[in-house]
Amino acid sequence: MSVVQRWDIVEKRRQIIAPSRAKFDAEQDARVMSAFDFSFAKAEETATVTVPSLIVVGRQDSVSGYLDGVDLMRRFPRATLAVLDAAGHALAWERPEVFHSLIRDWLDRI
């Protein structure tokens, strides 16, 4: 569910997300989820990323939260971190102007 409730977002969900539900494979999903590691502990073992990076998170993201994005900043010293208020997991749909502006800025820096 989106944090921002607008007809254009409802329509996008209807056109893009709803049709995929018919193709959902619960058994495959269970296999993937059982092997997926949600722990960010392994991130401590990886190298620092020193190229321009962009981390965009929605402040009201009820799926993955926003604090993991903040934690990533230690490993991305040249990153821009944007925590968008009034945005959740669908932040590109909920705050498209801000999202696109951030993407354009990042593309200019790489």
PDB file of N, CA and C in Angstrom:
ATOM      1  N   MET A   1       0.840  -1.176   0.000  1.00  0.00           N
ATOM      2  CA  MET A   1       0.000   0.000   0.000  1.00  0.00           C
ATOM      3  C   MET A   1       0.887   1.242   0.000  1.00  0.00           C
ATOM      4  N   SER A   2       0.495   2.225  -0.731  1.00  0.00           N
ATOM      5  CA  SER A   2       1.242   3.470  -0.811  1.00  0.00           C
ATOM      6  C   SER A   2       0.913   4.372   0.366  1.00  0.00           C
ATOM      7  N   VAL A   3       1.897   5.154   0.770  1.00  0.00           N
ATOM      8  CA  VAL A   3       1.688   6.151   1.821  1.00  0.00           C
ATOM      9  C   VAL A   3       0.821   7.275   1.274  1.00  0.00           C
ATOM     10  N   VAL A   4       1.133   7.705   0.060  1.00  0.00           N
ATOM     11  CA  VAL A   4       0.384   8.771  -0.593  1.00  0.00           C
ATOM     12  C   VAL A   4      -0.744   8.130  -1.393  1.00  0.00           C
ATOM     13  N   GLN A   5      -1.958   8.556  -1.142  1.00  0.00           N
ATOM     14  CA  GLN A   5      -3.120   8.003  -1.833  1.00  0.00           C
ATOM     15  C   GLN A   5      -3.590   9.001  -2.890  1.00  0.00           C
ATOM     16  N   ARG A   6      -3.299   8.679  -4.154  1.00  0.00           N
ATOM     17  CA  ARG A   6      -3.736   9.499  -5.278  1.00  0.00           C
ATOM     18  C   ARG A   6      -4.254   8.568  -6.360  1.00  0.00           C
ATOM     19  N   TRP A   7      -5.139   9.085  -7.205  1.00  0.00           N
ATOM     20  CA  TRP A   7      -5.713   8.253  -8.259  1.00  0.00           C
ATOM     21  C   TRP A   7      -4.659   7.759  -9.233  1.00  0.00           C
ATOM     22  N   ASP A   8      -3.628   8.559  -9.538  1.00  0.00           N
ATOM     23  CA  ASP A   8      -2.612   8.096 -10.484  1.00  0.00           C
ATOM     24  C   ASP A   8      -1.837   6.905  -9.920  1.00  0.00           C
ATOM     25  N   ILE A   9      -1.620   6.879  -8.617  1.00  0.00           N
ATOM     26  CA  ILE A   9      -0.930   5.747  -7.998  1.00  0.00           C
ATOM     27  C   ILE A   9      -1.839   4.521  -7.984  1.00  0.00           C
ATOM     28  N   VAL A  10      -3.109   4.726  -7.685  1.00  0.00           N
ATOM     29  CA  VAL A  10      -4.071   3.621  -7.730  1.00  0.00           C
ATOM     30  C   VAL A  10      -4.101   3.019  -9.134  1.00  0.00           C
ATOM     31  N   GLU A  11      -4.101   3.860 -10.142  1.00  0.00           N
ATOM     32  CA  GLU A  11      -4.133   3.390 -11.528  1.00  0.00           C
ATOM     33  C   GLU A  11      -2.848   2.639 -11.887  1.00  0.00           C
ATOM     34  N   LYS A  12      -1.695   3.135 -11.461  1.00  0.00           N
ATOM     35  CA  LYS A  12      -0.439   2.422 -11.717  1.00  0.00           C
ATOM     36  C   LYS A  12      -0.460   1.043 -11.068  1.00  0.00           C
ATOM     37  N   ARG A  13      -0.932   0.973  -9.843  1.00  0.00           N
ATOM     38  CA  ARG A  13      -1.023  -0.324  -9.163  1.00  0.00           C
ATOM     39  C   ARG A  13      -1.957  -1.261  -9.934  1.00  0.00           C
ATOM     40  N   ARG A  14      -3.066  -0.716 -10.421  1.00  0.00           N
ATOM     41  CA  ARG A  14      -4.031  -1.526 -11.168  1.00  0.00           C
ATOM     42  C   ARG A  14      -3.414  -2.056 -12.462  1.00  0.00           C
ATOM     43  N   GLN A  15      -2.649  -1.218 -13.160  1.00  0.00           N
ATOM     44  CA  GLN A  15      -2.086  -1.599 -14.451  1.00  0.00           C
ATOM     45  C   GLN A  15      -0.814  -2.437 -14.332  1.00  0.00           C
ATOM     46  N   ILE A  16      -0.009  -2.175 -13.321  1.00  0.00           N
ATOM     47  CA  ILE A  16       1.313  -2.798 -13.242  1.00  0.00           C
ATOM     48  C   ILE A  16       1.375  -3.941 -12.232  1.00  0.00           C
ATOM     49  N   ILE A  17       0.882  -3.706 -11.044  1.00  0.00           N
ATOM     50  CA  ILE A  17       1.028  -4.696  -9.978  1.00  0.00           C
ATOM     51  C   ILE A  17      -0.066  -5.757 -10.024  1.00  0.00           C
ATOM     52  N   ALA A  18      -1.295  -5.342 -10.186  1.00  0.00           N
ATOM     53  CA  ALA A  18      -2.411  -6.297 -10.151  1.00  0.00           C
ATOM     54  C   ALA A  18      -2.263  -7.436 -11.167  1.00  0.00           C
ATOM     55  N   PRO A  19      -1.877  -7.179 -12.428  1.00  0.00           N
ATOM     56  CA  PRO A  19      -1.747  -8.295 -13.380  1.00  0.00           C
ATOM     57  C   PRO A  19      -0.687  -9.325 -12.973  1.00  0.00           C
ATOM     58  N   SER A  20       0.324  -8.896 -12.260  1.00  0.00           N
ATOM     59  CA  SER A  20       1.382  -9.830 -11.866  1.00  0.00           C
ATOM     60  C   SER A  20       0.919 -10.810 -10.794  1.00  0.00           C
ATOM     61  N   ARG A  21      -0.118 -10.469 -10.073  1.00  0.00           N
ATOM     62  CA  ARG A  21      -0.621 -11.365  -9.025  1.00  0.00           C
ATOM     63  C   ARG A  21      -1.076 -12.713  -9.594  1.00  0.00           C
ATOM     64  N   ALA A  22      -1.576 -12.723 -10.812  1.00  0.00           N
ATOM     65  CA  ALA A  22      -2.016 -13.976 -11.434  1.00  0.00           C
ATOM     66  C   ALA A  22      -0.834 -14.901 -11.716  1.00  0.00           C
ATOM     67  N   LYS A  23       0.364 -14.338 -11.829  1.00  0.00           N
ATOM     68  CA  LYS A  23       1.557 -15.127 -12.125  1.00  0.00           C
ATOM     69  C   LYS A  23       2.346 -15.491 -10.873  1.00  0.00           C
ATOM     70  N   PHE A  24       1.865 -15.087  -9.722  1.00  0.00           N
ATOM     71  CA  PHE A  24       2.572 -15.329  -8.464  1.00  0.00           C
ATOM     72  C   PHE A  24       2.663 -16.824  -8.178  1.00  0.00           C
ATOM     73  N   ASP A  25       3.863 -17.283  -7.873  1.00  0.00           N
ATOM     74  CA  ASP A  25       4.120 -18.690  -7.558  1.00  0.00           C
ATOM     75  C   ASP A  25       4.499 -18.770  -6.083  1.00  0.00           C
ATOM     76  N   ALA A  26       3.565 -19.180  -5.251  1.00  0.00           N
ATOM     77  CA  ALA A  26       3.782 -19.209  -3.799  1.00  0.00           C
ATOM     78  C   ALA A  26       4.908 -20.157  -3.405  1.00  0.00           C
ATOM     79  N   GLU A  27       5.024 -21.292  -4.086  1.00  0.00           N
ATOM     80  CA  GLU A  27       6.096 -22.236  -3.753  1.00  0.00           C
ATOM     81  C   GLU A  27       7.462 -21.648  -4.071  1.00  0.00           C
ATOM     82  N   GLN A  28       7.584 -21.012  -5.226  1.00  0.00           N
ATOM     83  CA  GLN A  28       8.856 -20.377  -5.589  1.00  0.00           C
ATOM     84  C   GLN A  28       9.175 -19.245  -4.619  1.00  0.00           C
ATOM     85  N   ASP A  29       8.175 -18.464  -4.272  1.00  0.00           N
ATOM     86  CA  ASP A  29       8.376 -17.373  -3.321  1.00  0.00           C
ATOM     87  C   ASP A  29       8.881 -17.912  -1.984  1.00  0.00           C
ATOM     88  N   ALA A  30       8.317 -19.009  -1.522  1.00  0.00           N
ATOM     89  CA  ALA A  30       8.749 -19.609  -0.254  1.00  0.00           C
ATOM     90  C   ALA A  30      10.197 -20.071  -0.336  1.00  0.00           C
ATOM     91  N   ARG A  31      10.603 -20.648  -1.478  1.00  0.00           N
ATOM     92  CA  ARG A  31      11.997 -21.082  -1.644  1.00  0.00           C
ATOM     93  C   ARG A  31      12.944 -19.888  -1.611  1.00  0.00           C
ATOM     94  N   VAL A  32      12.590 -18.836  -2.313  1.00  0.00           N
ATOM     95  CA  VAL A  32      13.439 -17.641  -2.344  1.00  0.00           C
ATOM     96  C   VAL A  32      13.531 -17.018  -0.957  1.00  0.00           C
ATOM     97  N   MET A  33      12.392 -16.843  -0.309  1.00  0.00           N
ATOM     98  CA  MET A  33      12.388 -16.185   0.998  1.00  0.00           C
ATOM     99  C   MET A  33      13.121 -17.003   2.058  1.00  0.00           C
ATOM    100  N   SER A  34      13.089 -18.322   1.965  1.00  0.00           N
ATOM    101  CA  SER A  34      13.785 -19.143   2.956  1.00  0.00           C
ATOM    102  C   SER A  34      15.297 -19.038   2.804  1.00  0.00           C
ATOM    103  N   ALA A  35      15.767 -18.696   1.616  1.00  0.00           N
ATOM    104  CA  ALA A  35      17.201 -18.581   1.375  1.00  0.00           C
ATOM    105  C   ALA A  35      17.695 -17.142   1.437  1.00  0.00           C
ATOM    106  N   PHE A  36      16.786 -16.193   1.541  1.00  0.00           N
ATOM    107  CA  PHE A  36      17.162 -14.777   1.517  1.00  0.00           C
ATOM    108  C   PHE A  36      17.593 -14.337   2.904  1.00  0.00           C
ATOM    109  N   ASP A  37      18.732 -13.686   2.962  1.00  0.00           N
ATOM    110  CA  ASP A  37      19.265 -13.217   4.239  1.00  0.00           C
ATOM    111  C   ASP A  37      18.959 -11.732   4.377  1.00  0.00           C
ATOM    112  N   PHE A  38      18.081 -11.392   5.291  1.00  0.00           N
ATOM    113  CA  PHE A  38      17.716  -9.998   5.499  1.00  0.00           C
ATOM    114  C   PHE A  38      18.695  -9.272   6.404  1.00  0.00           C
ATOM    115  N   SER A  39      19.695  -9.964   6.888  1.00  0.00           N
ATOM    116  CA  SER A  39      20.654  -9.360   7.806  1.00  0.00           C
ATOM    117  C   SER A  39      21.610  -8.456   7.043  1.00  0.00           C
ATOM    118  N   PHE A  40      21.874  -7.310   7.612  1.00  0.00           N
ATOM    119  CA  PHE A  40      22.855  -6.412   7.014  1.00  0.00           C
ATOM    120  C   PHE A  40      24.218  -6.579   7.661  1.00  0.00           C
ATOM    121  N   ALA A  41      24.368  -7.613   8.500  1.00  0.00           N
ATOM    122  CA  ALA A  41      25.645  -7.858   9.162  1.00  0.00           C
ATOM    123  C   ALA A  41      26.746  -8.104   8.138  1.00  0.00           C
ATOM    124  N   LYS A  42      26.421  -8.741   7.038  1.00  0.00           N
ATOM    125  CA  LYS A  42      27.423  -9.023   6.015  1.00  0.00           C
ATOM    126  C   LYS A  42      27.927  -7.747   5.354  1.00  0.00           C
ATOM    127  N   ALA A  43      27.156  -6.694   5.417  1.00  0.00           N
ATOM    128  CA  ALA A  43      27.577  -5.428   4.817  1.00  0.00           C
ATOM    129  C   ALA A  43      28.859  -4.923   5.460  1.00  0.00           C
ATOM    130  N   GLU A  44      29.082  -5.262   6.717  1.00  0.00           N
ATOM    131  CA  GLU A  44      30.297  -4.827   7.407  1.00  0.00           C
ATOM    132  C   GLU A  44      31.541  -5.437   6.781  1.00  0.00           C
ATOM    133  N   GLU A  45      31.381  -6.569   6.113  1.00  0.00           N
ATOM    134  CA  GLU A  45      32.511  -7.277   5.534  1.00  0.00           C
ATOM    135  C   GLU A  45      32.883  -6.762   4.153  1.00  0.00           C
ATOM    136  N   THR A  46      32.080  -5.932   3.559  1.00  0.00           N
ATOM    137  CA  THR A  46      32.331  -5.492   2.196  1.00  0.00           C
ATOM    138  C   THR A  46      33.118  -4.198   2.183  1.00  0.00           C
ATOM    139  N   ALA A  47      33.700  -3.922   1.035  1.00  0.00           N
ATOM    140  CA  ALA A  47      34.542  -2.740   0.882  1.00  0.00           C
ATOM    141  C   ALA A  47      33.708  -1.467   0.837  1.00  0.00           C
ATOM    142  N   THR A  48      34.374  -0.370   1.096  1.00  0.00           N
ATOM    143  CA  THR A  48      33.745   0.941   0.990  1.00  0.00           C
ATOM    144  C   THR A  48      33.547   1.279  -0.487  1.00  0.00           C
ATOM    145  N   VAL A  49      32.425   1.871  -0.807  1.00  0.00           N
ATOM    146  CA  VAL A  49      32.108   2.282  -2.173  1.00  0.00           C
ATOM    147  C   VAL A  49      32.437   3.763  -2.281  1.00  0.00           C
ATOM    148  N   THR A  50      33.416   4.102  -3.118  1.00  0.00           N
ATOM    149  CA  THR A  50      33.924   5.479  -3.146  1.00  0.00           C
ATOM    150  C   THR A  50      33.494   6.267  -4.379  1.00  0.00           C
ATOM    151  N   VAL A  51      32.544   5.771  -5.116  1.00  0.00           N
ATOM    152  CA  VAL A  51      32.036   6.503  -6.275  1.00  0.00           C
ATOM    153  C   VAL A  51      30.752   7.227  -5.881  1.00  0.00           C
ATOM    154  N   PRO A  52      30.370   8.251  -6.629  1.00  0.00           N
ATOM    155  CA  PRO A  52      29.114   8.929  -6.313  1.00  0.00           C
ATOM    156  C   PRO A  52      27.957   7.933  -6.291  1.00  0.00           C
ATOM    157  N   SER A  53      27.204   7.977  -5.232  1.00  0.00           N
ATOM    158  CA  SER A  53      26.108   7.031  -5.025  1.00  0.00           C
ATOM    159  C   SER A  53      24.877   7.787  -4.550  1.00  0.00           C
ATOM    160  N   LEU A  54      23.750   7.145  -4.696  1.00  0.00           N
ATOM    161  CA  LEU A  54      22.498   7.747  -4.258  1.00  0.00           C
ATOM    162  C   LEU A  54      21.703   6.710  -3.482  1.00  0.00           C
ATOM    163  N   ILE A  55      21.324   7.065  -2.278  1.00  0.00           N
ATOM    164  CA  ILE A  55      20.484   6.218  -1.441  1.00  0.00           C
ATOM    165  C   ILE A  55      19.209   7.007  -1.179  1.00  0.00           C
ATOM    166  N   VAL A  56      18.091   6.502  -1.660  1.00  0.00           N
ATOM    167  CA  VAL A  56      16.807   7.183  -1.494  1.00  0.00           C
ATOM    168  C   VAL A  56      15.868   6.245  -0.745  1.00  0.00           C
ATOM    169  N   VAL A  57      15.342   6.724   0.362  1.00  0.00           N
ATOM    170  CA  VAL A  57      14.433   5.918   1.176  1.00  0.00           C
ATOM    171  C   VAL A  57      13.209   6.743   1.542  1.00  0.00           C
ATOM    172  N   GLY A  58      12.104   6.054   1.737  1.00  0.00           N
ATOM    173  CA  GLY A  58      10.877   6.709   2.172  1.00  0.00           C
ATOM    174  C   GLY A  58      10.778   6.679   3.689  1.00  0.00           C
ATOM    175  N   ARG A  59      10.533   7.815   4.286  1.00  0.00           N
ATOM    176  CA  ARG A  59      10.456   7.917   5.752  1.00  0.00           C
ATOM    177  C   ARG A  59       9.355   7.025   6.326  1.00  0.00           C
ATOM    178  N   GLN A  60       8.282   6.836   5.598  1.00  0.00           N
ATOM    179  CA  GLN A  60       7.174   6.014   6.076  1.00  0.00           C
ATOM    180  C   GLN A  60       7.140   4.639   5.396  1.00  0.00           C
ATOM    181  N   ASP A  61       8.292   4.137   4.968  1.00  0.00           N
ATOM    182  CA  ASP A  61       8.361   2.829   4.314  1.00  0.00           C
ATOM    183  C   ASP A  61       8.107   1.730   5.335  1.00  0.00           C
ATOM    184  N   SER A  62       6.960   1.080   5.228  1.00  0.00           N
ATOM    185  CA  SER A  62       6.617   0.015   6.175  1.00  0.00           C
ATOM    186  C   SER A  62       7.128  -1.346   5.710  1.00  0.00           C
ATOM    187  N   VAL A  63       7.731  -1.403   4.530  1.00  0.00           N
ATOM    188  CA  VAL A  63       8.272  -2.660   4.013  1.00  0.00           C
ATOM    189  C   VAL A  63       9.713  -2.850   4.464  1.00  0.00           C
ATOM    190  N   SER A  64      10.561  -1.866   4.192  1.00  0.00           N
ATOM    191  CA  SER A  64      11.974  -2.015   4.543  1.00  0.00           C
ATOM    192  C   SER A  64      12.491  -0.923   5.465  1.00  0.00           C
ATOM    193  N   GLY A  65      11.659   0.025   5.821  1.00  0.00           N
ATOM    194  CA  GLY A  65      12.109   1.078   6.724  1.00  0.00           C
ATOM    195  C   GLY A  65      13.068   2.036   6.038  1.00  0.00           C
ATOM    196  N   TYR A  66      13.600   2.959   6.805  1.00  0.00           N
ATOM    197  CA  TYR A  66      14.547   3.915   6.236  1.00  0.00           C
ATOM    198  C   TYR A  66      15.893   3.909   6.953  1.00  0.00           C
ATOM    199  N   LEU A  67      15.969   3.342   8.135  1.00  0.00           N
ATOM    200  CA  LEU A  67      17.206   3.410   8.916  1.00  0.00           C
ATOM    201  C   LEU A  67      18.350   2.613   8.306  1.00  0.00           C
ATOM    202  N   ASP A  68      18.056   1.556   7.564  1.00  0.00           N
ATOM    203  CA  ASP A  68      19.130   0.822   6.892  1.00  0.00           C
ATOM    204  C   ASP A  68      19.826   1.715   5.870  1.00  0.00           C
ATOM    205  N   GLY A  69      19.082   2.601   5.233  1.00  0.00           N
ATOM    206  CA  GLY A  69      19.687   3.559   4.311  1.00  0.00           C
ATOM    207  C   GLY A  69      20.648   4.482   5.026  1.00  0.00           C
ATOM    208  N   VAL A  70      20.273   4.912   6.217  1.00  0.00           N
ATOM    209  CA  VAL A  70      21.155   5.757   7.031  1.00  0.00           C
ATOM    210  C   VAL A  70      22.415   4.976   7.390  1.00  0.00           C
ATOM    211  N   ASP A  71      22.265   3.730   7.783  1.00  0.00           N
ATOM    212  CA  ASP A  71      23.414   2.895   8.147  1.00  0.00           C
ATOM    213  C   ASP A  71      24.373   2.689   6.978  1.00  0.00           C
ATOM    214  N   LEU A  72      23.857   2.651   5.766  1.00  0.00           N
ATOM    215  CA  LEU A  72      24.712   2.449   4.592  1.00  0.00           C
ATOM    216  C   LEU A  72      25.690   3.595   4.361  1.00  0.00           C
ATOM    217  N   MET A  73      25.404   4.753   4.897  1.00  0.00           N
ATOM    218  CA  MET A  73      26.258   5.918   4.663  1.00  0.00           C
ATOM    219  C   MET A  73      27.701   5.685   5.112  1.00  0.00           C
ATOM    220  N   ARG A  74      27.914   4.833   6.099  1.00  0.00           N
ATOM    221  CA  ARG A  74      29.289   4.548   6.550  1.00  0.00           C
ATOM    222  C   ARG A  74      30.119   3.930   5.436  1.00  0.00           C
ATOM    223  N   ARG A  75      29.476   3.159   4.583  1.00  0.00           N
ATOM    224  CA  ARG A  75      30.182   2.466   3.508  1.00  0.00           C
ATOM    225  C   ARG A  75      30.192   3.243   2.199  1.00  0.00           C
ATOM    226  N   PHE A  76      29.439   4.317   2.124  1.00  0.00           N
ATOM    227  CA  PHE A  76      29.316   5.103   0.896  1.00  0.00           C
ATOM    228  C   PHE A  76      29.674   6.563   1.188  1.00  0.00           C
ATOM    229  N   PRO A  77      30.956   6.877   1.342  1.00  0.00           N
ATOM    230  CA  PRO A  77      31.335   8.232   1.750  1.00  0.00           C
ATOM    231  C   PRO A  77      30.970   9.322   0.743  1.00  0.00           C
ATOM    232  N   ARG A  78      30.738   8.973  -0.512  1.00  0.00           N
ATOM    233  CA  ARG A  78      30.364   9.976  -1.512  1.00  0.00           C
ATOM    234  C   ARG A  78      28.890   9.896  -1.878  1.00  0.00           C
ATOM    235  N   ALA A  79      28.110   9.283  -1.021  1.00  0.00           N
ATOM    236  CA  ALA A  79      26.684   9.113  -1.317  1.00  0.00           C
ATOM    237  C   ALA A  79      25.875  10.327  -0.897  1.00  0.00           C
ATOM    238  N   THR A  80      24.818  10.526  -1.625  1.00  0.00           N
ATOM    239  CA  THR A  80      23.757  11.428  -1.203  1.00  0.00           C
ATOM    240  C   THR A  80      22.690  10.544  -0.578  1.00  0.00           C
ATOM    241  N   LEU A  81      22.281  10.888   0.627  1.00  0.00           N
ATOM    242  CA  LEU A  81      21.193  10.170   1.289  1.00  0.00           C
ATOM    243  C   LEU A  81      19.985  11.090   1.317  1.00  0.00           C
ATOM    244  N   ALA A  82      18.888  10.609   0.764  1.00  0.00           N
ATOM    245  CA  ALA A  82      17.643  11.369   0.794  1.00  0.00           C
ATOM    246  C   ALA A  82      16.587  10.529   1.495  1.00  0.00           C
ATOM    247  N   VAL A  83      16.084  11.040   2.598  1.00  0.00           N
ATOM    248  CA  VAL A  83      14.980  10.410   3.316  1.00  0.00           C
ATOM    249  C   VAL A  83      13.753  11.259   3.004  1.00  0.00           C
ATOM    250  N   LEU A  84      12.874  10.729   2.168  1.00  0.00           N
ATOM    251  CA  LEU A  84      11.728  11.503   1.708  1.00  0.00           C
ATOM    252  C   LEU A  84      10.543  11.324   2.643  1.00  0.00           C
ATOM    253  N   ASP A  85      10.094  12.433   3.210  1.00  0.00           N
ATOM    254  CA  ASP A  85       8.892  12.404   4.035  1.00  0.00           C
ATOM    255  C   ASP A  85       7.684  12.250   3.114  1.00  0.00           C
ATOM    256  N   ALA A  86       6.611  11.750   3.655  1.00  0.00           N
ATOM    257  CA  ALA A  86       5.386  11.494   2.880  1.00  0.00           C
ATOM    258  C   ALA A  86       5.672  10.548   1.722  1.00  0.00           C
ATOM    259  N   ALA A  87       6.533   9.555   1.989  1.00  0.00           N
ATOM    260  CA  ALA A  87       6.859   8.544   0.986  1.00  0.00           C
ATOM    261  C   ALA A  87       7.107   7.219   1.686  1.00  0.00           C
ATOM    262  N   GLY A  88       6.684   6.170   1.012  1.00  0.00           N
ATOM    263  CA  GLY A  88       6.900   4.832   1.538  1.00  0.00           C
ATOM    264  C   GLY A  88       7.743   4.023   0.580  1.00  0.00           C
ATOM    265  N   HIS A  89       7.412   2.741   0.418  1.00  0.00           N
ATOM    266  CA  HIS A  89       8.175   1.841  -0.432  1.00  0.00           C
ATOM    267  C   HIS A  89       7.995   2.188  -1.911  1.00  0.00           C
ATOM    268  N   ALA A  90       6.925   2.877  -2.251  1.00  0.00           N
ATOM    269  CA  ALA A  90       6.662   3.273  -3.639  1.00  0.00           C
ATOM    270  C   ALA A  90       7.043   4.736  -3.851  1.00  0.00           C
ATOM    271  N   LEU A  91       8.162   5.144  -3.280  1.00  0.00           N
ATOM    272  CA  LEU A  91       8.507   6.572  -3.270  1.00  0.00           C
ATOM    273  C   LEU A  91       8.676   7.174  -4.651  1.00  0.00           C
ATOM    274  N   ALA A  92       9.091   6.399  -5.633  1.00  0.00           N
ATOM    275  CA  ALA A  92       9.223   6.945  -6.990  1.00  0.00           C
ATOM    276  C   ALA A  92       7.866   7.330  -7.562  1.00  0.00           C
ATOM    277  N   TRP A  93       6.812   6.672  -7.126  1.00  0.00           N
ATOM    278  CA  TRP A  93       5.453   7.013  -7.552  1.00  0.00           C
ATOM    279  C   TRP A  93       4.862   8.091  -6.663  1.00  0.00           C
ATOM    280  N   GLU A  94       5.196   8.049  -5.384  1.00  0.00           N
ATOM    281  CA  GLU A  94       4.592   8.963  -4.419  1.00  0.00           C
ATOM    282  C   GLU A  94       5.201  10.363  -4.473  1.00  0.00           C
ATOM    283  N   ARG A  95       6.496  10.444  -4.746  1.00  0.00           N
ATOM    284  CA  ARG A  95       7.201  11.730  -4.798  1.00  0.00           C
ATOM    285  C   ARG A  95       8.035  11.803  -6.078  1.00  0.00           C
ATOM    286  N   PRO A  96       7.396  11.681  -7.258  1.00  0.00           N
ATOM    287  CA  PRO A  96       8.159  11.562  -8.505  1.00  0.00           C
ATOM    288  C   PRO A  96       9.042  12.761  -8.827  1.00  0.00           C
ATOM    289  N   GLU A  97       8.603  13.964  -8.526  1.00  0.00           N
ATOM    290  CA  GLU A  97       9.410  15.138  -8.855  1.00  0.00           C
ATOM    291  C   GLU A  97      10.718  15.133  -8.073  1.00  0.00           C
ATOM    292  N   VAL A  98      10.630  14.860  -6.787  1.00  0.00           N
ATOM    293  CA  VAL A  98      11.833  14.823  -5.951  1.00  0.00           C
ATOM    294  C   VAL A  98      12.716  13.655  -6.372  1.00  0.00           C
ATOM    295  N   PHE A  99      12.114  12.493  -6.572  1.00  0.00           N
ATOM    296  CA  PHE A  99      12.872  11.305  -6.969  1.00  0.00           C
ATOM    297  C   PHE A  99      13.621  11.550  -8.277  1.00  0.00           C
ATOM    298  N   HIS A 100      12.943  12.073  -9.283  1.00  0.00           N
ATOM    299  CA  HIS A 100      13.583  12.322 -10.577  1.00  0.00           C
ATOM    300  C   HIS A 100      14.676  13.374 -10.465  1.00  0.00           C
ATOM    301  N   SER A 101      14.476  14.378  -9.652  1.00  0.00           N
ATOM    302  CA  SER A 101      15.509  15.393  -9.439  1.00  0.00           C
ATOM    303  C   SER A 101      16.759  14.772  -8.820  1.00  0.00           C
ATOM    304  N   LEU A 102      16.565  13.908  -7.845  1.00  0.00           N
ATOM    305  CA  LEU A 102      17.699  13.225  -7.217  1.00  0.00           C
ATOM    306  C   LEU A 102      18.425  12.327  -8.210  1.00  0.00           C
ATOM    307  N   ILE A 103      17.684  11.624  -9.044  1.00  0.00           N
ATOM    308  CA  ILE A 103      18.302  10.758 -10.057  1.00  0.00           C
ATOM    309  C   ILE A 103      19.099  11.591 -11.055  1.00  0.00           C
ATOM    310  N   ARG A 104      18.539  12.705 -11.516  1.00  0.00           N
ATOM    311  CA  ARG A 104      19.259  13.568 -12.459  1.00  0.00           C
ATOM    312  C   ARG A 104      20.547  14.099 -11.837  1.00  0.00           C
ATOM    313  N   ASP A 105      20.479  14.522 -10.579  1.00  0.00           N
ATOM    314  CA  ASP A 105      21.675  15.009  -9.889  1.00  0.00           C
ATOM    315  C   ASP A 105      22.728  13.915  -9.811  1.00  0.00           C
ATOM    316  N   TRP A 106      22.323  12.701  -9.447  1.00  0.00           N
ATOM    317  CA  TRP A 106      23.263  11.588  -9.347  1.00  0.00           C
ATOM    318  C   TRP A 106      23.889  11.283 -10.711  1.00  0.00           C
ATOM    319  N   LEU A 107      23.072  11.265 -11.770  1.00  0.00           N
ATOM    320  CA  LEU A 107      23.603  10.996 -13.104  1.00  0.00           C
ATOM    321  C   LEU A 107      24.611  12.055 -13.528  1.00  0.00           C
ATOM    322  N   ASP A 108      24.399  13.291 -13.127  1.00  0.00           N
ATOM    323  CA  ASP A 108      25.353  14.359 -13.434  1.00  0.00           C
ATOM    324  C   ASP A 108      26.691  14.141 -12.735  1.00  0.00           C
ATOM    325  N   ARG A 109      26.670  13.432 -11.609  1.00  0.00           N
ATOM    326  CA  ARG A 109      27.896  13.237 -10.831  1.00  0.00           C
ATOM    327  C   ARG A 109      28.676  11.983 -11.211  1.00  0.00           C
ATOM    328  N   ILE A 110      28.061  11.077 -11.973  1.00  0.00           N
ATOM    329  CA  ILE A 110      28.809   9.851 -12.299  1.00  0.00           C
ATOM    330  C   ILE A 110      29.506   9.969 -13.641  1.00  0.00           C
TER     331      ILE A 110
END
